[in-house]
All heavy atoms as atom14 arrays in JSON, in Angstrom:
{
  "sequence": "QTMTNTITADAKATIEQIRRCEEAGADIIRVSCPDEESTAAFREIA",
  "atom14_mask": [
    [1, 1, 1, 1, 1, 1, 1, 1, 1, 0, 0, 0, 0, 0],
    [1, 1, 1, 1, 1, 1, 1, 0, 0, 0, 0, 0, 0, 0],
    [1, 1, 1, 1, 1, 1, 1, 1, 0, 0, 0, 0, 0, 0],
    [1, 1, 1, 1, 1, 1, 1, 0, 0, 0, 0, 0, 0, 0],
    [1, 1, 1, 1, 1, 1, 1, 1, 0, 0, 0, 0, 0, 0],
    [1, 1, 1, 1, 1, 1, 1, 0, 0, 0, 0, 0, 0, 0],
    [1, 1, 1, 1, 1, 1, 1, 1, 0, 0, 0, 0, 0, 0],
    [1, 1, 1, 1, 1, 1, 1, 0, 0, 0, 0, 0, 0, 0],
    [1, 1, 1, 1, 1, 0, 0, 0, 0, 0, 0, 0, 0, 0],
    [1, 1, 1, 1, 1, 1, 1, 1, 0, 0, 0, 0, 0, 0],
    [1, 1, 1, 1, 1, 0, 0, 0, 0, 0, 0, 0, 0, 0],
    [1, 1, 1, 1, 1, 1, 1, 1, 1, 0, 0, 0, 0, 0],
    [1, 1, 1, 1, 1, 0, 0, 0, 0, 0, 0, 0, 0, 0],
    [1, 1, 1, 1, 1, 1, 1, 0, 0, 0, 0, 0, 0, 0],
    [1, 1, 1, 1, 1, 1, 1, 1, 0, 0, 0, 0, 0, 0],
    [1, 1, 1, 1, 1, 1, 1, 1, 1, 0, 0, 0, 0, 0],
    [1, 1, 1, 1, 1, 1, 1, 1, 1, 0, 0, 0, 0, 0],
    [1, 1, 1, 1, 1, 1, 1, 1, 0, 0, 0, 0, 0, 0],
    [1, 1, 1, 1, 1, 1, 1, 1, 1, 1, 1, 0, 0, 0],
    [1, 1, 1, 1, 1, 1, 1, 1, 1, 1, 1, 0, 0, 0],
    [1, 1, 1, 1, 1, 1, 0, 0, 0, 0, 0, 0, 0, 0],
    [1, 1, 1, 1, 1, 1, 1, 1, 1, 0, 0, 0, 0, 0],
    [1, 1, 1, 1, 1, 1, 1, 1, 1, 0, 0, 0, 0, 0],
    [1, 1, 1, 1, 1, 0, 0, 0, 0, 0, 0, 0, 0, 0],
    [1, 1, 1, 1, 0, 0, 0, 0, 0, 0, 0, 0, 0, 0],
    [1, 1, 1, 1, 1, 0, 0, 0, 0, 0, 0, 0, 0, 0],
    [1, 1, 1, 1, 1, 1, 1, 1, 0, 0, 0, 0, 0, 0],
    [1, 1, 1, 1, 1, 1, 1, 1, 0, 0, 0, 0, 0, 0],
    [1, 1, 1, 1, 1, 1, 1, 1, 0, 0, 0, 0, 0, 0],
    [1, 1, 1, 1, 1, 1, 1, 1, 1, 1, 1, 0, 0, 0],
    [1, 1, 1, 1, 1, 1, 1, 0, 0, 0, 0, 0, 0, 0],
    [1, 1, 1, 1, 1, 1, 0, 0, 0, 0, 0, 0, 0, 0],
    [1, 1, 1, 1, 1, 1, 0, 0, 0, 0, 0, 0, 0, 0],
    [1, 1, 1, 1, 1, 1, 1, 0, 0, 0, 0, 0, 0, 0],
    [1, 1, 1, 1, 1, 1, 1, 1, 0, 0, 0, 0, 0, 0],
    [1, 1, 1, 1, 1, 1, 1, 1, 1, 0, 0, 0, 0, 0],
    [1, 1, 1, 1, 1, 1, 1, 1, 1, 0, 0, 0, 0, 0],
    [1, 1, 1, 1, 1, 1, 0, 0, 0, 0, 0, 0, 0, 0],
    [1, 1, 1, 1, 1, 1, 1, 0, 0, 0, 0, 0, 0, 0],
    [1, 1, 1, 1, 1, 0, 0, 0, 0, 0, 0, 0, 0, 0],
    [1, 1, 1, 1, 1, 0, 0, 0, 0, 0, 0, 0, 0, 0],
    [1, 1, 1, 1, 1, 1, 1, 1, 1, 1, 1, 0, 0, 0],
    [1, 1, 1, 1, 1, 1, 1, 1, 1, 1, 1, 0, 0, 0],
    [1, 1, 1, 1, 1, 1, 1, 1, 1, 0, 0, 0, 0, 0],
    [1, 1, 1, 1, 1, 1, 1, 1, 0, 0, 0, 0, 0, 0],
    [1, 1, 1, 1, 1, 0, 0, 0, 0, 0, 0, 0, 0, 0]
  ],
  "atom14_positions": [
    [[0.83, -1.2, 0.0], [0.0, 0.0, 0.0], [0.87, 1.26, 0.0], [2.05, 1.22, 0.32], [-0.88, 0.04, 1.25], [-1.8, -1.15, 1.42], [-2.87, -0.88, 2.45], [-3.26, 0.27, 2.69], [-3.39, -1.94, 3.06], [0.0, 0.0, 0.0], [0.0, 0.0, 0.0], [0.0, 0.0, 0.0], [0.0, 0.0, 0.0], [0.0, 0.0, 0.0]],
    [[0.23, 2.37, -0.34], [0.82, 3.68, -0.14], [-0.31, 4.65, 0.13], [-1.47, 4.25, 0.22], [1.66, 4.12, -1.35], [2.35, 5.34, -1.03], [0.79, 4.36, -2.58], [0.0, 0.0, 0.0], [0.0, 0.0, 0.0], [0.0, 0.0, 0.0], [0.0, 0.0, 0.0], [0.0, 0.0, 0.0], [0.0, 0.0, 0.0], [0.0, 0.0, 0.0]],
    [[0.04, 5.93, 0.27], [-0.98, 6.95, 0.58], [-0.67, 8.21, -0.21], [0.49, 8.64, -0.3], [-0.97, 7.24, 2.08], [-2.04, 8.22, 2.52], [-2.07, 8.38, 4.33], [-3.38, 9.58, 4.53], [0.0, 0.0, 0.0], [0.0, 0.0, 0.0], [0.0, 0.0, 0.0], [0.0, 0.0, 0.0], [0.0, 0.0, 0.0], [0.0, 0.0, 0.0]],
    [[-1.69, 8.79, -0.8], [-1.49, 10.03, -1.56], [-1.13, 11.17, -0.62], [-1.49, 11.16, 0.56], [-2.76, 10.41, -2.34], [-3.85, 10.54, -1.42], [-3.1, 9.35, -3.38], [0.0, 0.0, 0.0], [0.0, 0.0, 0.0], [0.0, 0.0, 0.0], [0.0, 0.0, 0.0], [0.0, 0.0, 0.0], [0.0, 0.0, 0.0], [0.0, 0.0, 0.0]],
    [[-0.4, 12.16, -1.15], [-0.09, 13.35, -0.34], [-0.51, 14.63, -1.03], [-0.11, 15.73, -0.63], [1.39, 13.38, 0.03], [2.31, 13.38, -1.17], [1.9, 13.73, -2.28], [3.56, 13.0, -0.97], [0.0, 0.0, 0.0], [0.0, 0.0, 0.0], [0.0, 0.0, 0.0], [0.0, 0.0, 0.0], [0.0, 0.0, 0.0], [0.0, 0.0, 0.0]],
    [[-1.33, 14.52, -2.07], [-1.92, 15.69, -2.71], [-3.07, 16.21, -1.86], [-3.52, 15.54, -0.92], [-2.46, 15.32, -4.1], [-3.33, 14.18, -3.94], [-1.34, 14.96, -5.06], [0.0, 0.0, 0.0], [0.0, 0.0, 0.0], [0.0, 0.0, 0.0], [0.0, 0.0, 0.0], [0.0, 0.0, 0.0], [0.0, 0.0, 0.0], [0.0, 0.0, 0.0]],
    [[-3.57, 17.39, -2.19], [-4.8, 17.88, -1.58], [-5.94, 17.08, -2.21], [-6.16, 17.17, -3.42], [-4.99, 19.39, -1.83], [-3.82, 20.18, -1.25], [-6.32, 19.87, -1.24], [-3.63, 20.03, 0.24], [0.0, 0.0, 0.0], [0.0, 0.0, 0.0], [0.0, 0.0, 0.0], [0.0, 0.0, 0.0], [0.0, 0.0, 0.0], [0.0, 0.0, 0.0]],
    [[-6.64, 16.3, -1.4], [-7.64, 15.39, -1.95], [-8.73, 16.13, -2.72], [-9.25, 15.62, -3.72], [-8.27, 14.55, -0.82], [-7.22, 13.87, -0.11], [-9.22, 13.51, -1.37], [0.0, 0.0, 0.0], [0.0, 0.0, 0.0], [0.0, 0.0, 0.0], [0.0, 0.0, 0.0], [0.0, 0.0, 0.0], [0.0, 0.0, 0.0], [0.0, 0.0, 0.0]],
    [[-9.07, 17.32, -2.28], [-10.09, 18.09, -2.98], [-9.68, 18.42, -4.41], [-10.54, 18.68, -5.26], [-10.38, 19.39, -2.21], [0.0, 0.0, 0.0], [0.0, 0.0, 0.0], [0.0, 0.0, 0.0], [0.0, 0.0, 0.0], [0.0, 0.0, 0.0], [0.0, 0.0, 0.0], [0.0, 0.0, 0.0], [0.0, 0.0, 0.0], [0.0, 0.0, 0.0]],
    [[-8.39, 18.39, -4.69], [-7.89, 18.55, -6.06], [-7.91, 17.17, -6.71], [-6.92, 16.44, -6.71], [-6.47, 19.13, -6.04], [-5.94, 19.44, -7.43], [-6.52, 18.94, -8.42], [-4.94, 20.16, -7.53], [0.0, 0.0, 0.0], [0.0, 0.0, 0.0], [0.0, 0.0, 0.0], [0.0, 0.0, 0.0], [0.0, 0.0, 0.0], [0.0, 0.0, 0.0]],
    [[-9.06, 16.81, -7.26], [-9.24, 15.45, -7.78], [-8.24, 15.14, -8.9], [-7.69, 14.04, -8.95], [-10.67, 15.27, -8.28], [0.0, 0.0, 0.0], [0.0, 0.0, 0.0], [0.0, 0.0, 0.0], [0.0, 0.0, 0.0], [0.0, 0.0, 0.0], [0.0, 0.0, 0.0], [0.0, 0.0, 0.0], [0.0, 0.0, 0.0], [0.0, 0.0, 0.0]],
    [[-7.99, 16.1, -9.77], [-7.08, 15.87, -10.9], [-5.68, 15.5, -10.42], [-5.09, 14.51, -10.88], [-7.03, 17.12, -11.79], [-6.18, 16.95, -13.04], [-6.27, 18.21, -13.91], [-5.48, 18.03, -15.21], [-4.03, 17.95, -14.96], [0.0, 0.0, 0.0], [0.0, 0.0, 0.0], [0.0, 0.0, 0.0], [0.0, 0.0, 0.0], [0.0, 0.0, 0.0]],
    [[-5.13, 16.29, -9.49], [-3.78, 16.02, -8.99], [-3.74, 14.68, -8.25], [-2.76, 13.93, -8.36], [-3.33, 17.14, -8.06], [0.0, 0.0, 0.0], [0.0, 0.0, 0.0], [0.0, 0.0, 0.0], [0.0, 0.0, 0.0], [0.0, 0.0, 0.0], [0.0, 0.0, 0.0], [0.0, 0.0, 0.0], [0.0, 0.0, 0.0], [0.0, 0.0, 0.0]],
    [[-4.78, 14.39, -7.5], [-4.82, 13.14, -6.73], [-4.91, 11.94, -7.66], [-4.22, 10.94, -7.46], [-6.02, 13.16, -5.75], [-5.9, 14.31, -4.9], [-6.04, 11.9, -4.9], [0.0, 0.0, 0.0], [0.0, 0.0, 0.0], [0.0, 0.0, 0.0], [0.0, 0.0, 0.0], [0.0, 0.0, 0.0], [0.0, 0.0, 0.0], [0.0, 0.0, 0.0]],
    [[-5.72, 12.03, -8.7], [-5.84, 10.94, -9.67], [-4.52, 10.72, -10.39], [-4.1, 9.58, -10.62], [-6.98, 11.23, -10.67], [-8.33, 11.14, -9.95], [-6.94, 10.26, -11.85], [-9.49, 11.7, -10.75], [0.0, 0.0, 0.0], [0.0, 0.0, 0.0], [0.0, 0.0, 0.0], [0.0, 0.0, 0.0], [0.0, 0.0, 0.0], [0.0, 0.0, 0.0]],
    [[-3.84, 11.8, -10.76], [-2.54, 11.67, -11.43], [-1.53, 10.96, -10.54], [-0.75, 10.12, -10.99], [-2.03, 13.04, -11.84], [-2.8, 13.66, -13.0], [-2.37, 15.09, -13.29], [-1.55, 15.64, -12.52], [-2.85, 15.66, -14.3], [0.0, 0.0, 0.0], [0.0, 0.0, 0.0], [0.0, 0.0, 0.0], [0.0, 0.0, 0.0], [0.0, 0.0, 0.0]],
    [[-1.55, 11.29, -9.24], [-0.62, 10.63, -8.33], [-0.99, 9.17, -8.13], [-0.11, 8.3, -8.08], [-0.61, 11.35, -6.98], [0.51, 10.88, -6.07], [0.61, 11.74, -4.82], [-0.23, 11.62, -3.93], [1.62, 12.59, -4.75], [0.0, 0.0, 0.0], [0.0, 0.0, 0.0], [0.0, 0.0, 0.0], [0.0, 0.0, 0.0], [0.0, 0.0, 0.0]],
    [[-2.28, 8.89, -8.04], [-2.74, 7.5, -7.93], [-2.29, 6.7, -9.14], [-1.84, 5.56, -9.01], [-4.27, 7.45, -7.76], [-4.66, 7.88, -6.34], [-4.82, 6.05, -8.08], [-6.14, 8.04, -6.13], [0.0, 0.0, 0.0], [0.0, 0.0, 0.0], [0.0, 0.0, 0.0], [0.0, 0.0, 0.0], [0.0, 0.0, 0.0], [0.0, 0.0, 0.0]],
    [[-2.36, 7.3, -10.32], [-1.94, 6.6, -11.53], [-0.46, 6.21, -11.45], [-0.08, 5.1, -11.83], [-2.21, 7.48, -12.75], [-2.16, 6.76, -14.07], [-3.34, 5.81, -14.26], [-4.58, 6.52, -14.46], [-5.66, 6.34, -13.69], [-5.65, 5.49, -12.69], [-6.78, 6.99, -13.93], [0.0, 0.0, 0.0], [0.0, 0.0, 0.0], [0.0, 0.0, 0.0]],
    [[0.38, 7.12, -10.96], [1.8, 6.8, -10.83], [2.02, 5.66, -9.83], [2.88, 4.8, -10.03], [2.59, 8.04, -10.39], [2.65, 9.14, -11.45], [3.69, 10.19, -11.11], [3.38, 10.93, -9.9], [2.6, 12.01, -9.86], [2.02, 12.45, -10.98], [2.38, 12.66, -8.73], [0.0, 0.0, 0.0], [0.0, 0.0, 0.0], [0.0, 0.0, 0.0]],
    [[1.24, 5.66, -8.76], [1.37, 4.59, -7.76], [0.89, 3.26, -8.32], [1.48, 2.2, -8.02], [0.56, 4.95, -6.51], [1.19, 6.4, -5.63], [0.0, 0.0, 0.0], [0.0, 0.0, 0.0], [0.0, 0.0, 0.0], [0.0, 0.0, 0.0], [0.0, 0.0, 0.0], [0.0, 0.0, 0.0], [0.0, 0.0, 0.0], [0.0, 0.0, 0.0]],
    [[-0.16, 3.29, -9.12], [-0.65, 2.07, -9.76], [0.41, 1.51, -10.7], [0.65, 0.29, -10.73], [-1.94, 2.36, -10.53], [-3.14, 2.66, -9.64], [-4.33, 3.19, -10.41], [-4.15, 3.72, -11.54], [-5.46, 3.09, -9.89], [0.0, 0.0, 0.0], [0.0, 0.0, 0.0], [0.0, 0.0, 0.0], [0.0, 0.0, 0.0], [0.0, 0.0, 0.0]],
    [[1.06, 2.39, -11.46], [2.11, 1.95, -12.38], [3.29, 1.35, -11.64], [3.96, 0.45, -12.15], [2.55, 3.12, -13.25], [1.5, 3.56, -14.27], [1.86, 4.86, -14.96], [2.91, 5.46, -14.6], [1.08, 5.29, -15.84], [0.0, 0.0, 0.0], [0.0, 0.0, 0.0], [0.0, 0.0, 0.0], [0.0, 0.0, 0.0], [0.0, 0.0, 0.0]],
    [[3.55, 1.84, -10.42], [4.64, 1.29, -9.61], [4.26, -0.05, -8.99], [5.13, -0.76, -8.47], [5.02, 2.28, -8.51], [0.0, 0.0, 0.0], [0.0, 0.0, 0.0], [0.0, 0.0, 0.0], [0.0, 0.0, 0.0], [0.0, 0.0, 0.0], [0.0, 0.0, 0.0], [0.0, 0.0, 0.0], [0.0, 0.0, 0.0], [0.0, 0.0, 0.0]],
    [[2.96, -0.4, -9.03], [2.53, -1.71, -8.54], [1.67, -1.71, -7.3], [1.38, -2.78, -6.75], [0.0, 0.0, 0.0], [0.0, 0.0, 0.0], [0.0, 0.0, 0.0], [0.0, 0.0, 0.0], [0.0, 0.0, 0.0], [0.0, 0.0, 0.0], [0.0, 0.0, 0.0], [0.0, 0.0, 0.0], [0.0, 0.0, 0.0], [0.0, 0.0, 0.0]],
    [[1.24, -0.53, -6.83], [0.43, -0.47, -5.61], [-0.82, -1.33, -5.74], [-1.52, -1.28, -6.75], [0.03, 0.97, -5.3], [0.0, 0.0, 0.0], [0.0, 0.0, 0.0], [0.0, 0.0, 0.0], [0.0, 0.0, 0.0], [0.0, 0.0, 0.0], [0.0, 0.0, 0.0], [0.0, 0.0, 0.0], [0.0, 0.0, 0.0], [0.0, 0.0, 0.0]],
    [[-1.09, -2.11, -4.71], [-2.29, -2.95, -4.67], [-3.48, -2.21, -4.08], [-4.63, -2.45, -4.45], [-2.03, -4.2, -3.82], [-0.9, -5.05, -4.35], [-1.03, -5.55, -5.48], [0.11, -5.22, -3.64], [0.0, 0.0, 0.0], [0.0, 0.0, 0.0], [0.0, 0.0, 0.0], [0.0, 0.0, 0.0], [0.0, 0.0, 0.0], [0.0, 0.0, 0.0]],
    [[-3.2, -1.33, -3.12], [-4.22, -0.58, -2.4], [-3.65, 0.81, -2.16], [-2.45, 0.94, -1.86], [-4.57, -1.25, -1.05], [-5.13, -2.67, -1.27], [-5.54, -0.41, -0.25], [-5.22, -3.49, 0.01], [0.0, 0.0, 0.0], [0.0, 0.0, 0.0], [0.0, 0.0, 0.0], [0.0, 0.0, 0.0], [0.0, 0.0, 0.0], [0.0, 0.0, 0.0]],
    [[-4.48, 1.85, -2.26], [-4.0, 3.21, -2.05], [-4.92, 3.92, -1.06], [-6.14, 3.86, -1.18], [-3.93, 3.99, -3.37], [-2.94, 3.32, -4.34], [-3.51, 5.44, -3.13], [-2.91, 3.93, -5.73], [0.0, 0.0, 0.0], [0.0, 0.0, 0.0], [0.0, 0.0, 0.0], [0.0, 0.0, 0.0], [0.0, 0.0, 0.0], [0.0, 0.0, 0.0]],
    [[-4.31, 4.58, -0.09], [-5.08, 5.3, 0.93], [-5.12, 6.79, 0.58], [-4.13, 7.36, 0.11], [-4.43, 5.08, 2.31], [-5.18, 5.7, 3.46], [-4.88, 4.99, 4.79], [-3.48, 4.68, 4.97], [-2.71, 5.2, 5.93], [-3.22, 6.09, 6.77], [-1.45, 4.83, 6.05], [0.0, 0.0, 0.0], [0.0, 0.0, 0.0], [0.0, 0.0, 0.0]],
    [[-6.27, 7.38, 0.82], [-6.5, 8.79, 0.5], [-7.07, 9.48, 1.74], [-8.07, 9.03, 2.3], [-7.48, 8.93, -0.68], [-7.75, 10.4, -0.98], [-6.92, 8.24, -1.93], [0.0, 0.0, 0.0], [0.0, 0.0, 0.0], [0.0, 0.0, 0.0], [0.0, 0.0, 0.0], [0.0, 0.0, 0.0], [0.0, 0.0, 0.0], [0.0, 0.0, 0.0]],
    [[-6.43, 10.57, 2.15], [-6.89, 11.28, 3.34], [-8.17, 12.07, 3.04], [-8.29, 12.7, 2.0], [-5.8, 12.24, 3.82], [-6.22, 12.91, 4.99], [0.0, 0.0, 0.0], [0.0, 0.0, 0.0], [0.0, 0.0, 0.0], [0.0, 0.0, 0.0], [0.0, 0.0, 0.0], [0.0, 0.0, 0.0], [0.0, 0.0, 0.0], [0.0, 0.0, 0.0]],
    [[-9.1, 12.0, 3.99], [-10.38, 12.73, 3.85], [-10.6, 13.63, 5.07], [-11.37, 13.3, 5.97], [-11.53, 11.73, 3.71], [-11.49, 10.8, 2.18], [0.0, 0.0, 0.0], [0.0, 0.0, 0.0], [0.0, 0.0, 0.0], [0.0, 0.0, 0.0], [0.0, 0.0, 0.0], [0.0, 0.0, 0.0], [0.0, 0.0, 0.0], [0.0, 0.0, 0.0]],
    [[-9.92, 14.78, 5.11], [-10.0, 15.63, 6.29], [-11.2, 16.57, 6.32], [-11.51, 17.14, 7.37], [-8.7, 16.44, 6.22], [-8.42, 16.54, 4.75], [-8.92, 15.24, 4.14], [0.0, 0.0, 0.0], [0.0, 0.0, 0.0], [0.0, 0.0, 0.0], [0.0, 0.0, 0.0], [0.0, 0.0, 0.0], [0.0, 0.0, 0.0], [0.0, 0.0, 0.0]],
    [[-11.88, 16.76, 5.17], [-12.97, 17.73, 5.14], [-14.0, 17.32, 4.09], [-13.82, 16.37, 3.33], [-12.42, 19.13, 4.83], [-11.46, 19.13, 3.66], [-11.74, 18.43, 2.65], [-10.41, 19.8, 3.73], [0.0, 0.0, 0.0], [0.0, 0.0, 0.0], [0.0, 0.0, 0.0], [0.0, 0.0, 0.0], [0.0, 0.0, 0.0], [0.0, 0.0, 0.0]],
    [[-15.11, 18.06, 4.06], [-16.19, 17.73, 3.14], [-15.78, 17.87, 1.68], [-16.25, 17.12, 0.82], [-17.41, 18.62, 3.43], [-18.13, 18.28, 4.71], [-19.4, 19.1, 4.88], [-20.36, 18.86, 4.11], [-19.43, 19.97, 5.77], [0.0, 0.0, 0.0], [0.0, 0.0, 0.0], [0.0, 0.0, 0.0], [0.0, 0.0, 0.0], [0.0, 0.0, 0.0]],
    [[-14.89, 18.83, 1.39], [-14.41, 19.0, 0.02], [-13.69, 17.74, -0.46], [-13.79, 17.35, -1.63], [-13.48, 20.21, -0.08], [-14.17, 21.56, 0.09], [-14.49, 21.89, 1.54], [-13.93, 21.23, 2.45], [-15.3, 22.81, 1.76], [0.0, 0.0, 0.0], [0.0, 0.0, 0.0], [0.0, 0.0, 0.0], [0.0, 0.0, 0.0], [0.0, 0.0, 0.0]],
    [[-12.97, 17.1, 0.47], [-12.23, 15.88, 0.13], [-13.18, 14.72, -0.18], [-13.01, 14.0, -1.17], [-11.3, 15.49, 1.28], [-10.32, 16.47, 1.5], [0.0, 0.0, 0.0], [0.0, 0.0, 0.0], [0.0, 0.0, 0.0], [0.0, 0.0, 0.0], [0.0, 0.0, 0.0], [0.0, 0.0, 0.0], [0.0, 0.0, 0.0], [0.0, 0.0, 0.0]],
    [[-14.17, 14.52, 0.68], [-15.1, 13.41, 0.43], [-15.97, 13.69, -0.79], [-16.41, 12.75, -1.47], [-15.97, 13.13, 1.67], [-16.59, 14.34, 2.12], [-15.14, 12.54, 2.79], [0.0, 0.0, 0.0], [0.0, 0.0, 0.0], [0.0, 0.0, 0.0], [0.0, 0.0, 0.0], [0.0, 0.0, 0.0], [0.0, 0.0, 0.0], [0.0, 0.0, 0.0]],
    [[-16.2, 14.97, -1.1], [-16.95, 15.3, -2.32], [-16.14, 14.9, -3.55], [-16.68, 14.38, -4.54], [-17.28, 16.78, -2.35], [0.0, 0.0, 0.0], [0.0, 0.0, 0.0], [0.0, 0.0, 0.0], [0.0, 0.0, 0.0], [0.0, 0.0, 0.0], [0.0, 0.0, 0.0], [0.0, 0.0, 0.0], [0.0, 0.0, 0.0], [0.0, 0.0, 0.0]],
    [[-14.81, 15.13, -3.49], [-13.94, 14.77, -4.62], [-13.67, 13.27, -4.67], [-13.3, 12.73, -5.72], [-12.61, 15.53, -4.5], [0.0, 0.0, 0.0], [0.0, 0.0, 0.0], [0.0, 0.0, 0.0], [0.0, 0.0, 0.0], [0.0, 0.0, 0.0], [0.0, 0.0, 0.0], [0.0, 0.0, 0.0], [0.0, 0.0, 0.0], [0.0, 0.0, 0.0]],
    [[-13.85, 12.61, -3.54], [-13.5, 11.19, -3.44], [-14.27, 10.34, -4.45], [-13.74, 9.37, -4.98], [-13.76, 10.67, -2.02], [-13.13, 9.35, -1.72], [-11.88, 9.27, -1.13], [-13.77, 8.16, -2.02], [-11.29, 8.06, -0.85], [-13.19, 6.94, -1.75], [-11.94, 6.89, -1.17], [0.0, 0.0, 0.0], [0.0, 0.0, 0.0], [0.0, 0.0, 0.0]],
    [[-15.52, 10.71, -4.72], [-16.33, 9.92, -5.65], [-15.68, 9.87, -7.04], [-15.55, 8.81, -7.65], [-17.74, 10.5, -5.74], [-18.73, 9.62, -6.49], [-20.12, 10.23, -6.48], [-20.61, 10.43, -5.13], [-21.2, 9.49, -4.39], [-21.35, 8.27, -4.89], [-21.64, 9.76, -3.17], [0.0, 0.0, 0.0], [0.0, 0.0, 0.0], [0.0, 0.0, 0.0]],
    [[-15.24, 11.03, -7.52], [-14.56, 11.08, -8.82], [-13.23, 10.33, -8.78], [-12.88, 9.61, -9.72], [-14.32, 12.54, -9.21], [-13.6, 12.71, -10.54], [-13.28, 14.15, -10.88], [-13.75, 15.06, -10.16], [-12.53, 14.39, -11.85], [0.0, 0.0, 0.0], [0.0, 0.0, 0.0], [0.0, 0.0, 0.0], [0.0, 0.0, 0.0], [0.0, 0.0, 0.0]],
    [[-12.51, 10.47, -7.68], [-11.21, 9.81, -7.54], [-11.38, 8.28, -7.53], [-10.64, 7.56, -8.2], [-10.51, 10.28, -6.24], [-10.19, 11.78, -6.35], [-9.26, 9.48, -5.96], [-9.82, 12.42, -5.01], [0.0, 0.0, 0.0], [0.0, 0.0, 0.0], [0.0, 0.0, 0.0], [0.0, 0.0, 0.0], [0.0, 0.0, 0.0], [0.0, 0.0, 0.0]],
    [[-12.37, 7.8, -6.81], [-12.6, 6.36, -6.71], [-12.99, 5.77, -8.06], [-12.59, 4.65, -8.41], [-13.68, 6.06, -5.67], [0.0, 0.0, 0.0], [0.0, 0.0, 0.0], [0.0, 0.0, 0.0], [0.0, 0.0, 0.0], [0.0, 0.0, 0.0], [0.0, 0.0, 0.0], [0.0, 0.0, 0.0], [0.0, 0.0, 0.0], [0.0, 0.0, 0.0]]
  ]
}
């Protein structure tokens, strides 16, 4: 596993980072959800 360190509310940046982690072989990726903006973006990210 790994964990993103982008601002989760920035769905584009978070997805781009997830893609790099997937290419490196990540099986599971954790995303921080500190606020409502993050969970709102989470749907698109997932």
